[in-house]
Amino acid sequence: MHRAAFHCDKHGRSAFVQALIDQLDRQHPYLNALVLRDGYRRDLVRLEDITDHRCVEYPGGGGRYHVWIFGKGRLIRHGDQGWLNWACSGNHIISDDTVVFREVLPVSTHASPVVDLQ
C-alpha cells in the first residue's frame, strides 16, 4: 500500500488500531499500553518502566505504529481523540490534552466480601 493510500484508509487504520490495543490489553492486563502512529511527536511522550517497545506495520504497508508496554507515564496529545494516530489502555486519566498513566494494580482475588455492619 502506498503512503497516500494509507492516509486515505481511515476506516481500516481505525479498526487496526482498535484491534491492536484490545489485543495488548488482553496480553498485558497489569500494565499500560500505548500505540502511536509513526511520526507522532515523541517529545510529547514520557513513559517509565517500559517492558516492551516495538514497531508494527499496518497491513499492506504504507505506515507503521509504535507500541509500548509500560508501568506509568504521560502523553501530551495533539489532534483529535480518534483511533487513527494513537490509542491506549490501562489505568489512565485524560484531562484536556494530557493523558496521565498510573500503575495498573491487579484486583486481589482474596478480598473479603463487603459486610453490612448495621
Protein backbone atom coordinates (compact mmCIF):
# COMPACT_ATOMS: atom_id res chain seq x y z
CA MET A 1 0.00 0.00 0.00
CA HIS A 2 1.34 3.41 -0.92
CA ARG A 3 1.63 6.08 1.83
CA ALA A 4 -1.11 8.18 0.22
CA ALA A 5 -3.44 5.19 0.30
CA PHE A 6 -2.51 4.60 3.96
CA HIS A 7 -3.61 8.13 4.87
CA CYS A 8 -6.89 7.75 2.94
CA ASP A 9 -7.77 4.42 4.60
CA LYS A 10 -9.15 5.96 7.78
CA HIS A 11 -11.69 3.21 8.49
CA GLY A 12 -9.07 0.45 8.07
CA ARG A 13 -6.49 2.25 10.21
CA SER A 14 -9.04 2.93 12.92
CA ALA A 15 -10.11 -0.73 13.03
CA PHE A 16 -6.46 -1.85 13.03
CA VAL A 17 -5.51 0.39 15.99
CA GLN A 18 -8.62 -0.63 17.96
CA ALA A 19 -7.90 -4.33 17.44
CA LEU A 20 -4.22 -3.83 18.32
CA ILE A 21 -4.94 -2.02 21.62
CA ASP A 22 -7.58 -4.61 22.54
CA GLN A 23 -5.04 -7.39 21.96
CA LEU A 24 -2.38 -5.60 24.03
CA ASP A 25 -4.85 -5.05 26.86
CA ARG A 26 -5.66 -8.77 26.96
CA GLN A 27 -1.97 -9.78 26.80
CA HIS A 28 -0.81 -7.31 29.46
CA PRO A 29 -3.69 -6.79 31.92
CA TYR A 30 -1.45 -5.36 34.66
CA LEU A 31 0.44 -2.85 32.51
CA ASN A 32 -0.41 0.17 30.40
CA ALA A 33 -0.23 0.01 26.62
CA LEU A 34 0.22 2.86 24.14
CA VAL A 35 0.03 2.77 20.34
CA LEU A 36 1.30 5.80 18.39
CA ARG A 37 1.41 6.31 14.65
CA ASP A 38 4.96 6.72 13.35
CA GLY A 39 5.62 10.44 13.04
CA TYR A 40 3.61 11.38 16.14
CA ARG A 41 5.62 13.90 18.15
CA ARG A 42 7.52 11.65 20.52
CA ASP A 43 8.78 14.63 22.55
CA LEU A 44 5.27 14.74 23.97
CA VAL A 45 5.62 11.26 25.48
CA ARG A 46 7.30 10.38 28.78
CA LEU A 47 7.00 6.74 29.84
CA GLU A 48 8.54 4.87 32.77
CA ASP A 49 9.15 1.19 33.49
CA ILE A 50 8.96 0.20 29.80
CA THR A 51 8.85 -3.57 29.41
CA ASP A 52 8.44 -3.66 25.62
CA HIS A 53 8.71 -1.35 22.61
CA ARG A 54 8.26 -2.46 19.03
CA CYS A 55 7.04 -1.25 15.65
CA VAL A 56 4.05 -2.79 13.92
CA GLU A 57 3.46 -2.36 10.19
CA TYR A 58 -0.02 -1.50 9.02
CA PRO A 59 -1.24 -4.46 6.87
CA GLY A 60 -0.30 -3.80 3.28
CA GLY A 61 2.43 -1.33 4.23
CA GLY A 62 2.44 2.42 3.88
CA GLY A 63 2.66 3.19 7.57
CA ARG A 64 3.62 1.84 10.93
CA TYR A 65 2.80 2.22 14.60
CA HIS A 66 4.97 2.18 17.71
CA VAL A 67 3.77 0.02 20.60
CA TRP A 68 4.88 0.45 24.21
CA ILE A 69 4.05 -1.67 27.25
CA PHE A 70 4.93 0.21 30.44
CA GLY A 71 4.21 0.99 34.08
CA LYS A 72 3.40 4.72 34.20
CA GLY A 73 3.88 7.92 32.29
CA ARG A 74 2.36 10.85 30.45
CA LEU A 75 1.30 11.75 26.92
CA ILE A 76 0.53 15.24 25.69
CA ARG A 77 -1.73 14.54 22.76
CA HIS A 78 -2.20 16.77 19.78
CA GLY A 79 -5.00 16.42 17.33
CA ASP A 80 -8.31 14.74 17.93
CA GLN A 81 -9.13 11.85 20.20
CA GLY A 82 -9.71 9.38 17.37
CA TRP A 83 -8.20 5.97 16.67
CA LEU A 84 -6.10 6.94 13.65
CA ASN A 85 -2.98 8.25 15.39
CA TRP A 86 -2.98 6.79 18.89
CA ALA A 87 -4.74 4.60 21.41
CA CYS A 88 -4.09 3.47 24.95
CA SER A 89 -5.27 1.03 27.57
CA GLY A 90 -4.65 0.50 31.25
CA ASN A 91 -5.01 2.91 34.14
CA HIS A 92 -5.16 6.39 32.65
CA ILE A 93 -6.94 9.70 33.06
CA ILE A 94 -7.46 12.15 30.19
CA SER A 95 -7.65 15.82 31.13
CA ASP A 96 -7.70 18.32 28.30
CA ASP A 97 -4.75 17.31 26.11
CA THR A 98 -2.88 15.34 28.77
CA VAL A 99 -3.12 11.60 29.36
CA VAL A 100 -1.65 10.50 32.70
CA PHE A 101 -0.88 6.81 33.09
CA ARG A 102 -0.73 5.34 36.58
CA GLU A 103 0.37 1.88 37.59
CA VAL A 104 -2.23 -0.79 36.95
CA LEU A 105 -2.86 -2.68 40.15
CA PRO A 106 -4.22 -6.22 39.96
CA VAL A 107 -7.51 -6.85 41.70
CA SER A 108 -7.00 -9.09 44.69
CA THR A 109 -8.83 -12.40 44.39
CA HIS A 110 -8.55 -12.80 48.16
CA ALA A 111 -10.56 -9.71 49.06
CA SER A 112 -13.10 -10.03 51.81
CA PRO A 113 -16.72 -9.70 50.80
CA VAL A 114 -18.47 -6.46 51.70
CA VAL A 115 -20.24 -6.83 55.03
CA ASP A 116 -23.01 -4.54 56.25
CA LEU A 117 -22.20 -3.75 59.90
CA GLN A 118 -25.67 -2.49 60.92
